[in-house]
Amino acid sequence: MDLDIHSDNSQIASCGGDKVPFLWDVQTGAVIRKFKGHDSNINCIKFGSSESILATGAYDKTIKIWDCRSRMFDPIQTLNDARDSVTSVCIGQYEIISGSLDEKVRTYDIRRGQLKTDTIGHPVTSVRLTRDEKLLLVSTLDSTVRLFDRYDGKLLVSYTGHRNKDYPIQSLFDNSDATVFSGSEDGCFYWWNCENGKLLLAKKSHSARLVSLDYHPSENYLVTASSDETIKLWCKV
């Protein structure tokens, strides 16, 4: 269902329908660690800012935190505030942010032990931070991607044109936070100007819904994955 890659490319974390987060060694392909604790499908997984921890969100309405350095298999913390499936997590320097089908975005301040809850009004499928952590990108099941100011909660820009009504679809910034990309149930990826929401391109790229995508951290490459069982790499020229 999801994976994340360690910044030094040495490890991959993955999760799926077997309810088990996996930590893999990239060079050998061997499993380094399996964790246990979720009761249902795991939707999302992310390394923490220190990359010694993992966070997972699942259909069982929980977020679990795992210590990658410990030999323990159980989570070191469970966050159970969601009232429906947790579909997405992202991690800042001191915060864990989650999106849920209960229409809420929750921000956990790790330093202060505080929780902030924002009601979006539609089931949330994806959350992403800008690099400076000042803005938050939120995708919802009303075919809209929204950009919020982190500090006052103000809606800055809405991005529309794609279709996202029935399935978890990811959205993200490019590596300069200047533009926004989203998958779509019509098999296209959509590309907008981040600042004004102008649609720059709608590219038919897959024969089935485009559910996942990511952007290279330093080069102009976009990768897309679809229910048509293909992964495609795109170059921005």
C-alpha atoms as a PDB file:
ATOM      1  CA  MET A   1       0.000   0.000   0.000  1.00  0.00           C
ATOM      2  CA  ASP A   2       2.869   2.389   0.703  1.00  0.00           C
ATOM      3  CA  LEU A   3       6.626   2.627   1.100  1.00  0.00           C
ATOM      4  CA  ASP A   4       9.243   5.136   2.175  1.00  0.00           C
ATOM      5  CA  ILE A   5      12.977   5.261   1.503  1.00  0.00           C
ATOM      6  CA  HIS A   6      15.665   6.199   4.013  1.00  0.00           C
ATOM      7  CA  SER A   7      17.547   9.379   3.035  1.00  0.00           C
ATOM      8  CA  ASP A   8      20.809   7.459   2.564  1.00  0.00           C
ATOM      9  CA  ASN A   9      19.020   4.892   0.349  1.00  0.00           C
ATOM     10  CA  SER A  10      20.113   2.027   2.595  1.00  0.00           C
ATOM     11  CA  GLN A  11      16.655   0.960   3.782  1.00  0.00           C
ATOM     12  CA  ILE A  12      13.081   0.745   2.516  1.00  0.00           C
ATOM     13  CA  ALA A  13      10.047   0.677   4.793  1.00  0.00           C
ATOM     14  CA  SER A  14       6.872  -0.877   3.391  1.00  0.00           C
ATOM     15  CA  CYS A  15       3.357  -1.727   4.504  1.00  0.00           C
ATOM     16  CA  GLY A  16       0.242  -3.388   3.139  1.00  0.00           C
ATOM     17  CA  GLY A  17      -2.649  -5.761   3.629  1.00  0.00           C
ATOM     18  CA  ASP A  18      -0.766  -8.206   5.847  1.00  0.00           C
ATOM     19  CA  LYS A  19      -0.962  -5.710   8.790  1.00  0.00           C
ATOM     20  CA  VAL A  20       2.837  -5.806   9.202  1.00  0.00           C
ATOM     21  CA  PRO A  21       5.332  -2.946   8.633  1.00  0.00           C
ATOM     22  CA  PHE A  22       8.553  -4.227   7.022  1.00  0.00           C
ATOM     23  CA  LEU A  23      12.042  -2.729   7.094  1.00  0.00           C
ATOM     24  CA  TRP A  24      14.262  -3.902   4.222  1.00  0.00           C
ATOM     25  CA  ASP A  25      17.985  -3.730   3.439  1.00  0.00           C
ATOM     26  CA  VAL A  26      18.311  -2.238  -0.062  1.00  0.00           C
ATOM     27  CA  GLN A  27      21.653  -3.841  -0.928  1.00  0.00           C
ATOM     28  CA  THR A  28      20.781  -7.415   0.037  1.00  0.00           C
ATOM     29  CA  GLY A  29      16.978  -7.368  -0.238  1.00  0.00           C
ATOM     30  CA  ALA A  30      16.778  -8.987   3.187  1.00  0.00           C
ATOM     31  CA  VAL A  31      14.155  -8.149   5.785  1.00  0.00           C
ATOM     32  CA  ILE A  32      15.794  -6.259   8.653  1.00  0.00           C
ATOM     33  CA  ARG A  33      12.743  -6.078  10.887  1.00  0.00           C
ATOM     34  CA  LYS A  34       9.049  -6.895  11.004  1.00  0.00           C
ATOM     35  CA  PHE A  35       6.817  -5.062  13.453  1.00  0.00           C
ATOM     36  CA  LYS A  36       3.466  -6.091  14.886  1.00  0.00           C
ATOM     37  CA  GLY A  37       0.543  -4.272  16.429  1.00  0.00           C
ATOM     38  CA  HIS A  38      -1.961  -3.210  13.748  1.00  0.00           C
ATOM     39  CA  ASP A  39      -5.262  -5.087  13.496  1.00  0.00           C
ATOM     40  CA  SER A  40      -5.999  -4.368   9.818  1.00  0.00           C
ATOM     41  CA  ASN A  41      -4.540  -3.124   6.540  1.00  0.00           C
ATOM     42  CA  ILE A  42      -1.797  -0.512   6.866  1.00  0.00           C
ATOM     43  CA  ASN A  43      -2.342   2.402   4.470  1.00  0.00           C
ATOM     44  CA  CYS A  44       0.750   4.557   4.931  1.00  0.00           C
ATOM     45  CA  ILE A  45       4.287   4.511   6.322  1.00  0.00           C
ATOM     46  CA  LYS A  46       6.915   7.225   6.836  1.00  0.00           C
ATOM     47  CA  PHE A  47      10.377   7.533   8.354  1.00  0.00           C
ATOM     48  CA  GLY A  48      10.667  10.155  11.084  1.00  0.00           C
ATOM     49  CA  SER A  49      12.873  13.221  10.782  1.00  0.00           C
ATOM     50  CA  SER A  50      15.651  11.418  12.684  1.00  0.00           C
ATOM     51  CA  GLU A  51      14.920   8.296  10.593  1.00  0.00           C
ATOM     52  CA  SER A  52      15.315   6.119  13.668  1.00  0.00           C
ATOM     53  CA  ILE A  53      11.532   5.849  13.951  1.00  0.00           C
ATOM     54  CA  LEU A  54       8.691   4.835  11.644  1.00  0.00           C
ATOM     55  CA  ALA A  55       5.084   6.007  11.710  1.00  0.00           C
ATOM     56  CA  THR A  56       2.259   3.949  10.202  1.00  0.00           C
ATOM     57  CA  GLY A  57      -1.425   4.703   9.706  1.00  0.00           C
ATOM     58  CA  ALA A  58      -4.013   1.993   9.241  1.00  0.00           C
ATOM     59  CA  TYR A  59      -7.591   1.008   8.612  1.00  0.00           C
ATOM     60  CA  ASP A  60      -7.851   0.205  12.346  1.00  0.00           C
ATOM     61  CA  LYS A  61      -8.017   4.015  12.975  1.00  0.00           C
ATOM     62  CA  THR A  62      -4.608   4.199  14.648  1.00  0.00           C
ATOM     63  CA  ILE A  63      -1.172   5.655  14.061  1.00  0.00           C
ATOM     64  CA  LYS A  64       1.656   3.615  15.521  1.00  0.00           C
ATOM     65  CA  ILE A  65       5.241   4.716  16.143  1.00  0.00           C
ATOM     66  CA  TRP A  66       8.066   2.176  15.874  1.00  0.00           C
ATOM     67  CA  ASP A  67      11.697   2.349  16.998  1.00  0.00           C
ATOM     68  CA  CYS A  68      13.914   1.086  14.159  1.00  0.00           C
ATOM     69  CA  ARG A  69      16.946   0.704  16.440  1.00  0.00           C
ATOM     70  CA  SER A  70      15.230  -1.323  19.135  1.00  0.00           C
ATOM     71  CA  ARG A  71      14.930  -5.081  18.991  1.00  0.00           C
ATOM     72  CA  MET A  72      11.319  -4.798  20.155  1.00  0.00           C
ATOM     73  CA  PHE A  73       8.593  -5.750  17.681  1.00  0.00           C
ATOM     74  CA  ASP A  74       5.822  -3.736  19.367  1.00  0.00           C
ATOM     75  CA  PRO A  75       5.099  -0.021  18.825  1.00  0.00           C
ATOM     76  CA  ILE A  76       6.560   2.484  21.261  1.00  0.00           C
ATOM     77  CA  GLN A  77       3.423   4.648  20.972  1.00  0.00           C
ATOM     78  CA  THR A  78      -0.123   4.376  19.602  1.00  0.00           C
ATOM     79  CA  LEU A  79      -2.220   7.403  18.609  1.00  0.00           C
ATOM     80  CA  ASN A  80      -5.901   6.451  18.500  1.00  0.00           C
ATOM     81  CA  ASP A  81      -7.745   9.757  18.030  1.00  0.00           C
ATOM     82  CA  ALA A  82      -9.047   9.049  14.495  1.00  0.00           C
ATOM     83  CA  ARG A  83     -12.627   7.881  14.082  1.00  0.00           C
ATOM     84  CA  ASP A  84     -12.078   6.269  10.677  1.00  0.00           C
ATOM     85  CA  SER A  85      -9.245   4.855   8.596  1.00  0.00           C
ATOM     86  CA  VAL A  86      -5.946   6.784   8.704  1.00  0.00           C
ATOM     87  CA  THR A  87      -5.005   7.254   5.063  1.00  0.00           C
ATOM     88  CA  SER A  88      -1.859   9.399   5.149  1.00  0.00           C
ATOM     89  CA  VAL A  89       0.920  10.537   7.476  1.00  0.00           C
ATOM     90  CA  CYS A  90       3.741  13.027   7.087  1.00  0.00           C
ATOM     91  CA  ILE A  91       6.384  13.914   9.642  1.00  0.00           C
ATOM     92  CA  GLY A  92       7.993  17.279  10.299  1.00  0.00           C
ATOM     93  CA  GLN A  93      10.891  18.066  12.569  1.00  0.00           C
ATOM     94  CA  TYR A  94       8.744  18.011  15.702  1.00  0.00           C
ATOM     95  CA  GLU A  95       5.289  16.999  14.454  1.00  0.00           C
ATOM     96  CA  ILE A  96       3.340  14.069  13.053  1.00  0.00           C
ATOM     97  CA  ILE A  97       0.475  15.046  10.740  1.00  0.00           C
ATOM     98  CA  SER A  98      -2.225  12.594   9.678  1.00  0.00           C
ATOM     99  CA  GLY A  99      -5.220  12.566   7.350  1.00  0.00           C
ATOM    100  CA  SER A 100      -8.255  10.360   7.897  1.00  0.00           C
ATOM    101  CA  LEU A 101     -11.505   9.399   6.239  1.00  0.00           C
ATOM    102  CA  ASP A 102     -13.220  10.994   9.249  1.00  0.00           C
ATOM    103  CA  GLU A 103     -12.574  14.338   7.436  1.00  0.00           C
ATOM    104  CA  LYS A 104      -9.945  15.474   9.938  1.00  0.00           C
ATOM    105  CA  VAL A 105      -6.298  16.482   9.734  1.00  0.00           C
ATOM    106  CA  ARG A 106      -4.553  15.919  13.066  1.00  0.00           C
ATOM    107  CA  THR A 107      -1.253  17.489  14.063  1.00  0.00           C
ATOM    108  CA  TYR A 108       0.619  15.914  16.964  1.00  0.00           C
ATOM    109  CA  ASP A 109       3.226  18.197  18.547  1.00  0.00           C
ATOM    110  CA  ILE A 110       5.800  15.735  19.866  1.00  0.00           C
ATOM    111  CA  ARG A 111       7.649  18.280  22.022  1.00  0.00           C
ATOM    112  CA  ARG A 112       4.602  19.643  23.824  1.00  0.00           C
ATOM    113  CA  GLY A 113       2.459  16.527  23.738  1.00  0.00           C
ATOM    114  CA  GLN A 114      -0.397  18.470  22.165  1.00  0.00           C
ATOM    115  CA  LEU A 115      -2.950  17.590  19.494  1.00  0.00           C
ATOM    116  CA  LYS A 116      -4.473  20.055  17.029  1.00  0.00           C
ATOM    117  CA  THR A 117      -7.461  18.886  14.966  1.00  0.00           C
ATOM    118  CA  ASP A 118      -8.673  20.614  11.787  1.00  0.00           C
ATOM    119  CA  THR A 119     -11.953  19.649  10.124  1.00  0.00           C
ATOM    120  CA  ILE A 120     -11.655  19.684   6.330  1.00  0.00           C
ATOM    121  CA  GLY A 121     -15.250  18.665   5.627  1.00  0.00           C
ATOM    122  CA  HIS A 122     -14.425  15.817   3.245  1.00  0.00           C
ATOM    123  CA  PRO A 123     -12.581  12.475   3.666  1.00  0.00           C
ATOM    124  CA  VAL A 124      -8.829  13.091   3.514  1.00  0.00           C
ATOM    125  CA  THR A 125      -6.631  10.875   1.325  1.00  0.00           C
ATOM    126  CA  SER A 126      -3.244  12.632   1.329  1.00  0.00           C
ATOM    127  CA  VAL A 127      -1.258  15.161   3.401  1.00  0.00           C
ATOM    128  CA  ARG A 128       2.096  16.720   2.451  1.00  0.00           C
ATOM    129  CA  LEU A 129       4.285  19.468   3.944  1.00  0.00           C
ATOM    130  CA  THR A 130       6.377  22.050   2.150  1.00  0.00           C
ATOM    131  CA  ARG A 131      10.078  21.859   2.942  1.00  0.00           C
ATOM    132  CA  ASP A 132       9.885  24.807   5.342  1.00  0.00           C
ATOM    133  CA  GLU A 133       6.839  23.139   7.004  1.00  0.00           C
ATOM    134  CA  LYS A 134       4.815  26.365   6.734  1.00  0.00           C
ATOM    135  CA  LEU A 135       2.214  25.033   4.271  1.00  0.00           C
ATOM    136  CA  LEU A 136       0.168  21.821   4.165  1.00  0.00           C
ATOM    137  CA  LEU A 137      -1.265  20.178   1.038  1.00  0.00           C
ATOM    138  CA  VAL A 138      -4.447  18.151   1.625  1.00  0.00           C
ATOM    139  CA  SER A 139      -6.281  15.910  -0.885  1.00  0.00           C
ATOM    140  CA  THR A 140      -9.920  14.984  -0.293  1.00  0.00           C
ATOM    141  CA  LEU A 141     -12.641  12.846  -1.843  1.00  0.00           C
ATOM    142  CA  ASP A 142     -14.458  15.824  -3.383  1.00  0.00           C
ATOM    143  CA  SER A 143     -11.948  16.035  -6.275  1.00  0.00           C
ATOM    144  CA  THR A 144     -10.114  18.937  -4.631  1.00  0.00           C
ATOM    145  CA  VAL A 145      -6.577  19.499  -3.396  1.00  0.00           C
ATOM    146  CA  ARG A 146      -6.243  22.334  -0.867  1.00  0.00           C
ATOM    147  CA  LEU A 147      -3.267  24.341   0.350  1.00  0.00           C
ATOM    148  CA  PHE A 148      -3.424  25.588   3.946  1.00  0.00           C
ATOM    149  CA  ASP A 149      -1.316  27.947   6.008  1.00  0.00           C
ATOM    150  CA  ARG A 150      -0.016  25.883   8.928  1.00  0.00           C
ATOM    151  CA  TYR A 151      -0.129  28.649  11.500  1.00  0.00           C
ATOM    152  CA  ASP A 152      -3.546  30.259  11.078  1.00  0.00           C
ATOM    153  CA  GLY A 153      -5.316  27.429   9.217  1.00  0.00           C
ATOM    154  CA  LYS A 154      -6.254  29.737   6.328  1.00  0.00           C
ATOM    155  CA  LEU A 155      -7.136  28.145   2.996  1.00  0.00           C
ATOM    156  CA  LEU A 156      -4.741  29.669   0.472  1.00  0.00           C
ATOM    157  CA  VAL A 157      -5.410  27.883  -2.836  1.00  0.00           C
ATOM    158  CA  SER A 158      -7.667  25.110  -4.171  1.00  0.00           C
ATOM    159  CA  TYR A 159      -6.614  22.872  -7.074  1.00  0.00           C
ATOM    160  CA  THR A 160      -9.322  21.209  -9.181  1.00  0.00           C
ATOM    161  CA  GLY A 161      -9.840  19.475 -12.527  1.00  0.00           C
ATOM    162  CA  HIS A 162      -8.820  15.949 -11.544  1.00  0.00           C
ATOM    163  CA  ARG A 163     -11.216  13.219 -10.387  1.00  0.00           C
ATOM    164  CA  ASN A 164     -10.982  11.844  -6.853  1.00  0.00           C
ATOM    165  CA  LYS A 165     -14.306  10.539  -5.544  1.00  0.00           C
ATOM    166  CA  ASP A 166     -13.847   6.897  -4.546  1.00  0.00           C
ATOM    167  CA  TYR A 167     -10.177   5.956  -3.987  1.00  0.00           C
ATOM    168  CA  PRO A 168      -7.201   7.250  -1.993  1.00  0.00           C
ATOM    169  CA  ILE A 169      -5.238   9.439  -4.410  1.00  0.00           C
ATOM    170  CA  GLN A 170      -1.931  11.098  -3.561  1.00  0.00           C
ATOM    171  CA  SER A 171      -0.839  14.672  -4.217  1.00  0.00           C
ATOM    172  CA  LEU A 172       2.514  16.370  -3.634  1.00  0.00           C
ATOM    173  CA  PHE A 173       4.792  19.325  -4.323  1.00  0.00           C
ATOM    174  CA  ASP A 174       7.696  19.259  -6.736  1.00  0.00           C
ATOM    175  CA  ASN A 175      11.184  19.497  -5.209  1.00  0.00           C
ATOM    176  CA  SER A 176      11.079  23.316  -5.146  1.00  0.00           C
ATOM    177  CA  ASP A 177       7.515  23.592  -3.777  1.00  0.00           C
ATOM    178  CA  ALA A 178       6.671  25.738  -6.828  1.00  0.00           C
ATOM    179  CA  THR A 179       4.097  23.398  -8.375  1.00  0.00           C
ATOM    180  CA  VAL A 180       1.600  20.770  -7.237  1.00  0.00           C
ATOM    181  CA  PHE A 181       0.941  17.327  -8.729  1.00  0.00           C
ATOM    182  CA  SER A 182      -1.946  14.927  -8.156  1.00  0.00           C
ATOM    183  CA  GLY A 183      -3.041  11.572  -9.434  1.00  0.00           C
ATOM    184  CA  SER A 184      -6.578  11.059 -10.674  1.00  0.00           C
ATOM    185  CA  GLU A 185      -9.167   8.340 -11.158  1.00  0.00           C
ATOM    186  CA  ASP A 186      -9.221   9.128 -14.905  1.00  0.00           C
ATOM    187  CA  GLY A 187      -5.614   7.911 -15.288  1.00  0.00           C
ATOM    188  CA  CYS A 188      -4.104  11.376 -15.716  1.00  0.00           C
ATOM    189  CA  PHE A 189      -1.670  13.290 -13.591  1.00  0.00           C
ATOM    190  CA  TYR A 190      -2.538  16.936 -13.018  1.00  0.00           C
ATOM    191  CA  TRP A 191      -0.009  19.713 -12.574  1.00  0.00           C
ATOM    192  CA  TRP A 192      -0.797  23.156 -11.137  1.00  0.00           C
ATOM    193  CA  ASN A 193       1.007  26.351 -10.280  1.00  0.00           C
ATOM    194  CA  CYS A 194       1.263  26.235  -6.493  1.00  0.00           C
ATOM    195  CA  GLU A 195       0.755  29.955  -5.923  1.00  0.00           C
ATOM    196  CA  ASN A 196      -2.324  30.690  -8.039  1.00  0.00           C
ATOM    197  CA  GLY A 197      -3.840  27.243  -8.691  1.00  0.00           C
ATOM    198  CA  LYS A 198      -3.604  27.555 -12.489  1.00  0.00           C
ATOM    199  CA  LEU A 199      -3.694  24.161 -14.230  1.00  0.00           C
ATOM    200  CA  LEU A 200      -0.454  23.745 -16.184  1.00  0.00           C
ATOM    201  CA  LEU A 201      -0.988  20.246 -17.584  1.00  0.00           C
ATOM    202  CA  ALA A 202      -3.388  17.304 -17.482  1.00  0.00           C
ATOM    203  CA  LYS A 203      -1.467  14.348 -18.897  1.00  0.00           C
ATOM    204  CA  LYS A 204      -3.167  11.056 -19.775  1.00  0.00           C
ATOM    205  CA  SER A 205      -0.588   8.646 -18.442  1.00  0.00           C
ATOM    206  CA  HIS A 206      -2.333   5.385 -17.431  1.00  0.00           C
ATOM    207  CA  SER A 207      -5.278   3.265 -18.568  1.00  0.00           C
ATOM    208  CA  ALA A 208      -6.669   3.027 -15.021  1.00  0.00           C
ATOM    209  CA  ARG A 209      -6.728   5.242 -11.940  1.00  0.00           C
ATOM    210  CA  LEU A 210      -3.410   6.856 -11.024  1.00  0.00           C
ATOM    211  CA  VAL A 211      -3.189   6.382  -7.270  1.00  0.00           C
ATOM    212  CA  SER A 212       0.413   7.136  -6.299  1.00  0.00           C
ATOM    213  CA  LEU A 213       3.163   9.487  -7.400  1.00  0.00           C
ATOM    214  CA  ASP A 214       6.384  11.015  -6.148  1.00  0.00           C
ATOM    215  CA  TYR A 215       8.934  13.604  -7.242  1.00  0.00           C
ATOM    216  CA  HIS A 216      12.718  13.262  -7.253  1.00  0.00           C
ATOM    217  CA  PRO A 217      14.290  15.266  -4.386  1.00  0.00           C
ATOM    218  CA  SER A 218      16.788  17.087  -6.631  1.00  0.00           C
ATOM    219  CA  GLU A 219      16.156  16.223 -10.302  1.00  0.00           C
ATOM    220  CA  ASN A 220      13.123  16.951 -12.497  1.00  0.00           C
ATOM    221  CA  TYR A 221      11.641  13.457 -12.513  1.00  0.00           C
ATOM    222  CA  LEU A 222       8.116  12.368 -11.610  1.00  0.00           C
ATOM    223  CA  VAL A 223       7.174   8.729 -11.011  1.00  0.00           C
ATOM    224  CA  THR A 224       3.558   7.547 -11.234  1.00  0.00           C
ATOM    225  CA  ALA A 225       1.904   4.248 -10.279  1.00  0.00           C
ATOM    226  CA  SER A 226      -1.493   2.993 -11.380  1.00  0.00           C
ATOM    227  CA  SER A 227      -4.072   0.265 -10.959  1.00  0.00           C
ATOM    228  CA  ASP A 228      -3.202  -0.714 -14.550  1.00  0.00           C
ATOM    229  CA  GLU A 229      -0.170  -2.479 -12.988  1.00  0.00           C
ATOM    230  CA  THR A 230       2.434  -0.095 -14.439  1.00  0.00           C
ATOM    231  CA  ILE A 231       4.911   2.394 -12.994  1.00  0.00           C
ATOM    232  CA  LYS A 232       6.066   5.216 -15.266  1.00  0.00           C
ATOM    233  CA  LEU A 233       8.905   7.722 -15.025  1.00  0.00           C
ATOM    234  CA  TRP A 234       8.455  11.223 -16.475  1.00  0.00           C
ATOM    235  CA  CYS A 235      11.071  13.887 -17.128  1.00  0.00           C
ATOM    236  CA  LYS A 236      10.259  17.589 -16.943  1.00  0.00           C
ATOM    237  CA  VAL A 237      12.056  19.423 -19.772  1.00  0.00           C
END
